[in-house]
Protein backbone atom coordinates (compact mmCIF):
# COMPACT_ATOMS: atom_id res chain seq x y z
CA MET A 1 11.84 -35.39 4.20
CA PRO A 2 10.92 -37.33 1.04
CA HIS A 3 14.13 -36.53 -0.85
CA ALA A 4 16.37 -37.79 1.95
CA THR A 5 14.28 -40.96 2.22
CA ALA A 6 14.36 -41.48 -1.54
CA SER A 7 18.13 -40.99 -1.57
CA TRP A 8 18.53 -43.73 1.07
CA LEU A 9 16.24 -46.14 -0.82
CA VAL A 10 18.14 -45.55 -4.06
CA ASP A 11 21.47 -46.29 -2.38
CA ASN A 12 20.40 -49.21 -0.17
CA THR A 13 17.66 -51.14 -1.97
CA ALA A 14 16.84 -52.62 -5.36
CA LEU A 15 13.41 -51.03 -5.50
CA SER A 16 12.37 -49.57 -8.84
CA PHE A 17 12.41 -45.83 -9.41
CA GLU A 18 8.64 -45.89 -9.78
CA GLN A 19 8.19 -47.64 -6.41
CA ILE A 20 10.46 -45.15 -4.65
CA ALA A 21 8.85 -42.16 -6.36
CA GLU A 22 5.35 -43.26 -5.40
CA PHE A 23 6.29 -44.04 -1.80
CA CYS A 24 8.09 -40.70 -1.33
CA GLY A 25 5.62 -38.60 -3.32
CA LEU A 26 8.23 -37.49 -5.86
CA HIS A 27 8.45 -37.39 -9.63
CA ILE A 28 10.16 -40.40 -11.13
CA LEU A 29 12.65 -38.08 -12.89
CA GLU A 30 13.84 -36.80 -9.51
CA VAL A 31 14.52 -40.34 -8.37
CA GLN A 32 16.32 -40.99 -11.67
CA ALA A 33 18.48 -37.92 -11.05
CA MET A 34 19.40 -39.24 -7.60
CA ALA A 35 20.39 -42.57 -9.09
CA ASP A 36 22.54 -40.76 -11.65
CA ASP A 37 24.26 -38.83 -8.83
CA LEU A 38 22.82 -35.56 -10.13
CA ALA A 39 20.90 -34.74 -6.98
CA SER A 40 21.58 -37.31 -4.27
CA SER A 41 24.71 -35.48 -3.15
CA LYS A 42 22.49 -32.67 -1.95
CA TYR A 43 20.68 -34.90 0.56
CA THR A 44 21.82 -36.95 3.53
CA GLY A 45 20.12 -40.32 3.31
CA ARG A 46 17.37 -40.97 5.84
CA ASP A 47 16.66 -44.56 6.84
CA PRO A 48 12.86 -45.16 6.78
CA VAL A 49 13.36 -48.54 8.50
CA HIS A 50 15.01 -46.92 11.48
CA SER A 51 12.22 -44.37 11.74
CA GLY A 52 9.58 -47.10 11.54
CA GLU A 53 8.02 -45.99 8.26
CA LEU A 54 9.10 -49.19 6.48
CA THR A 55 10.14 -52.69 7.48
CA HIS A 56 12.76 -54.94 5.90
CA GLU A 57 9.96 -57.37 5.00
CA GLU A 58 8.07 -54.62 3.14
CA ILE A 59 11.18 -53.65 1.20
CA GLU A 60 11.81 -57.31 0.30
CA ARG A 61 8.24 -57.61 -1.02
CA GLY A 62 8.83 -54.59 -3.21
CA GLN A 63 12.15 -55.88 -4.50
CA ALA A 64 10.59 -59.25 -5.35
CA ASN A 65 7.70 -57.69 -7.27
CA PRO A 66 8.25 -54.43 -9.23
CA GLU A 67 4.46 -53.96 -9.41
CA TYR A 68 4.13 -54.01 -5.61
CA ARG A 69 3.34 -50.69 -3.97
CA LEU A 70 5.10 -50.08 -0.68
CA LYS A 71 2.87 -49.50 2.33
CA MET A 72 3.95 -47.02 4.97
CA GLN A 73 3.92 -48.61 8.41
CA LYS A 74 3.47 -45.33 10.28
CA ALA A 75 3.25 -41.69 9.29
CA PRO A 76 6.52 -39.75 9.50
CA VAL A 77 6.92 -37.24 12.29
CA ASP A 78 6.07 -33.73 11.11
CA VAL A 79 9.13 -31.54 10.88
CA SER A 80 8.74 -27.81 10.33
CA ARG A 81 10.54 -26.47 7.31
CA THR A 82 13.76 -24.62 8.10
CA LYS A 83 14.39 -21.09 6.96
CA GLY A 84 15.51 -20.58 3.42
CA PRO A 85 14.01 -20.87 -0.04
CA ARG A 86 11.50 -23.64 -0.66
CA TYR A 87 12.90 -26.51 -2.73
CA THR A 88 11.03 -26.98 -6.00
CA PRO A 89 11.63 -30.05 -8.18
CA VAL A 90 13.40 -29.30 -11.44
CA SER A 91 10.41 -30.62 -13.37
CA LYS A 92 8.16 -27.97 -11.81
CA ARG A 93 10.38 -24.91 -11.76
CA GLN A 94 9.16 -23.68 -15.13
CA ASP A 95 5.65 -23.54 -13.63
CA LYS A 96 6.60 -20.99 -10.97
CA PRO A 97 5.79 -17.87 -13.05
CA ASP A 98 2.30 -19.25 -13.79
CA GLY A 99 1.68 -19.84 -10.09
CA ILE A 100 2.97 -16.39 -9.15
CA ALA A 101 0.73 -14.74 -11.77
CA TRP A 102 -2.29 -16.64 -10.42
CA ILE A 103 -1.70 -15.47 -6.86
CA ILE A 104 -1.13 -11.86 -7.95
CA ARG A 105 -4.39 -11.91 -9.91
CA ASN A 106 -6.60 -13.80 -7.44
CA HIS A 107 -5.11 -12.82 -4.07
CA PRO A 108 -3.58 -9.34 -4.35
CA GLU A 109 -3.72 -9.06 -0.56
CA ILE A 110 -0.87 -11.58 -0.22
CA SER A 111 2.46 -9.79 0.18
CA ASP A 112 5.51 -10.42 -1.98
CA ALA A 113 7.28 -11.94 1.01
CA GLN A 114 4.46 -14.46 1.47
CA ILE A 115 4.46 -15.30 -2.24
CA GLY A 116 8.21 -15.84 -2.08
CA LYS A 117 7.87 -18.31 0.79
CA LEU A 118 4.87 -20.04 -0.76
CA ILE A 119 6.30 -20.56 -4.23
CA GLY A 120 10.03 -20.43 -3.44
CA THR A 121 10.92 -17.43 -5.57
CA THR A 122 12.48 -13.97 -5.34
CA ARG A 123 11.03 -10.48 -5.07
CA ASN A 124 12.64 -9.55 -8.39
CA THR A 125 10.75 -12.31 -10.19
CA ILE A 126 7.48 -11.37 -8.49
CA ASN A 127 7.91 -7.68 -9.38
CA ALA A 128 8.81 -8.55 -12.97
CA ILE A 129 5.61 -10.58 -13.36
CA ARG A 130 3.53 -7.94 -11.57
CA GLU A 131 4.92 -5.18 -13.81
CA ARG A 132 4.80 -7.45 -16.90
CA SER A 133 8.51 -6.95 -17.55
CA HIS A 134 9.40 -10.64 -17.14
CA TRP A 135 11.46 -11.98 -20.04
CA ASN A 136 8.85 -14.68 -20.74
CA ILE A 137 5.72 -12.68 -19.91
CA ALA A 138 4.08 -13.52 -23.26
CA ASN A 139 4.01 -17.21 -22.32
CA ILE A 140 2.98 -16.84 -18.66
CA THR A 141 -0.56 -18.07 -17.98
CA PRO A 142 -1.99 -17.74 -14.43
CA LYS A 143 -2.49 -21.23 -12.99
CA ASP A 144 -3.40 -22.43 -9.50
CA PRO A 145 -0.09 -23.20 -7.71
CA VAL A 146 -1.80 -26.05 -5.84
CA THR A 147 -2.77 -27.71 -9.11
CA LEU A 148 0.77 -27.16 -10.38
CA GLY A 149 2.17 -28.86 -7.28
CA LEU A 150 4.13 -25.78 -6.14
CA CYS A 151 2.44 -25.68 -2.73
CA SER A 152 -0.34 -27.43 -0.82
CA GLN A 153 -3.89 -26.17 -0.45
CA ARG A 154 -3.33 -25.87 3.30
CA GLU A 155 -0.30 -23.62 2.77
CA LEU A 156 -2.18 -21.43 0.29
CA ASP A 157 -5.21 -21.14 2.58
CA ALA A 158 -2.95 -20.24 5.50
CA ALA A 159 -1.25 -17.49 3.47
CA VAL A 160 -4.63 -16.08 2.40
CA ALA A 161 -5.89 -16.17 5.99
CA ARG A 162 -2.79 -14.39 7.32
CA ALA A 163 -3.06 -11.70 4.65
CA ALA A 164 -6.78 -11.18 5.38
CA LYS A 165 -6.13 -10.98 9.11
CA LYS A 166 -3.38 -8.41 8.61
CA ALA A 167 -5.59 -6.32 6.32
CA ALA A 168 -8.44 -6.45 8.84
CA ALA A 169 -6.13 -5.37 11.66
CA GLN A 170 -4.87 -2.38 9.65
CA GLN A 171 -8.31 -1.21 8.52
CA PRO A 172 -9.56 0.23 11.88
CA ALA A 173 -6.28 2.08 12.34
CA VAL A 174 -6.55 3.60 8.88
CA GLU A 175 -10.17 4.62 9.43
CA GLU A 176 -9.38 6.13 12.83
CA SER A 177 -6.43 8.06 11.41
CA ALA A 178 -8.55 9.34 8.53
CA ALA A 179 -11.27 10.42 10.94
CA GLU A 180 -8.77 12.34 13.08
CA GLU A 181 -7.20 14.04 10.07
CA ALA A 182 -10.44 14.86 8.31
CA PRO A 183 -11.45 18.55 8.66
CA GLN A 184 -14.70 19.30 10.47
CA PRO A 185 -15.82 22.63 8.99
CA ALA A 186 -19.50 21.79 9.19
CA ARG A 187 -19.53 21.52 12.97
CA ARG A 188 -17.67 24.81 13.44
CA ASP A 189 -19.84 26.52 10.84
CA ASP A 190 -23.01 25.43 12.64
CA ARG A 191 -21.73 26.77 15.94
CA GLU A 192 -20.72 30.10 14.46
CA ALA A 193 -24.07 30.40 12.67
CA LEU A 194 -25.92 29.78 15.93
CA ILE A 195 -23.87 32.41 17.73
CA GLU A 196 -24.53 34.93 14.96
CA GLU A 197 -28.24 34.14 15.06
CA LEU A 198 -28.44 34.61 18.84
CA LYS A 199 -26.47 37.84 18.59
CA ALA A 200 -28.80 39.16 15.90
CA GLU A 201 -31.84 38.27 17.97
CA ARG A 202 -30.33 40.02 20.98
CA ASP A 203 -29.53 43.16 18.96
CA ALA A 204 -33.03 43.15 17.49
CA ALA A 205 -34.56 42.86 20.94
CA ALA A 206 -32.40 45.72 22.20
CA ARG A 207 -33.42 47.94 19.28
CA ALA A 208 -37.08 47.09 19.79
CA ALA A 209 -36.85 47.95 23.47
CA SER A 210 -35.10 51.24 22.71
CA GLU A 211 -37.69 52.18 20.10
CA ALA A 212 -40.53 51.29 22.48
CA ALA A 213 -39.00 53.45 25.19
CA GLN A 214 -38.61 56.36 22.81
CA GLU A 215 -42.20 56.04 21.63
CA ALA A 216 -43.46 55.89 25.20
CA GLU A 217 -41.42 58.96 26.11
CA ALA A 218 -42.72 60.89 23.07
CA GLU A 219 -46.30 59.93 23.84
CA ALA A 220 -45.94 61.02 27.47
CA TRP A 221 -44.47 64.38 26.38
CA LEU A 222 -47.34 64.84 23.92
CA GLU A 223 -49.93 64.08 26.58
CA ALA A 224 -48.29 66.50 28.96
CA LYS A 225 -48.28 69.22 26.33
CA ARG A 226 -51.93 68.67 25.53
CA ALA A 227 -52.84 68.84 29.17
CA ALA A 228 -50.93 72.10 29.58
CA GLU A 229 -52.62 73.68 26.62
CA ALA A 230 -56.03 72.59 27.88
CA GLY A 231 -55.37 74.15 31.31
CA GLY A 232 -54.25 77.50 29.76
CA ALA A 233 -57.40 77.71 27.70
């Protein structure tokens, strides 16, 4: 909750914008906008003293010396981000198309929904960049969104891992479906060929047996005739 903390420090201390920006991890222009009432109305101030992240003594040291860098007394409690579009500082919003183009080029397995959550953008913008119909496509250069400050390396790695896991889970199902749908003519052809071969062999054996029987019968008749003629002589 750096913006809420920065808003409280702007309203309740005399710390410099640079000190607040460095402590909260924000751009100094964002802190300037809060001081000018351009952005602070969007955030409810969060007291870092009450949460134990700062002490009054630490704030007084910072107010006494503009060069002093505030030291966090304890790490803030992790709070999961609520649903809704990711907030992107005004100073970085023009970098979104470059980050989107980088993800599309280097990690095509990441879905549009994941890109939208990661960068804080819309499907229309993603599709426009993917189809190269974006109004500023000529000036879009793929750049690592982590380097641009649009997301953290941990968030990007998590999105890549989820996309890879989903793709791996779908692959066996696709292969199994393809195997079931694929025709198997070779197996049926082999079976039919074997049946035809066995049938031919059986027919050949039957013909051979019939011819052998006929030959034996003719030879027996010839022998009988010869014997009869010999007896008459």
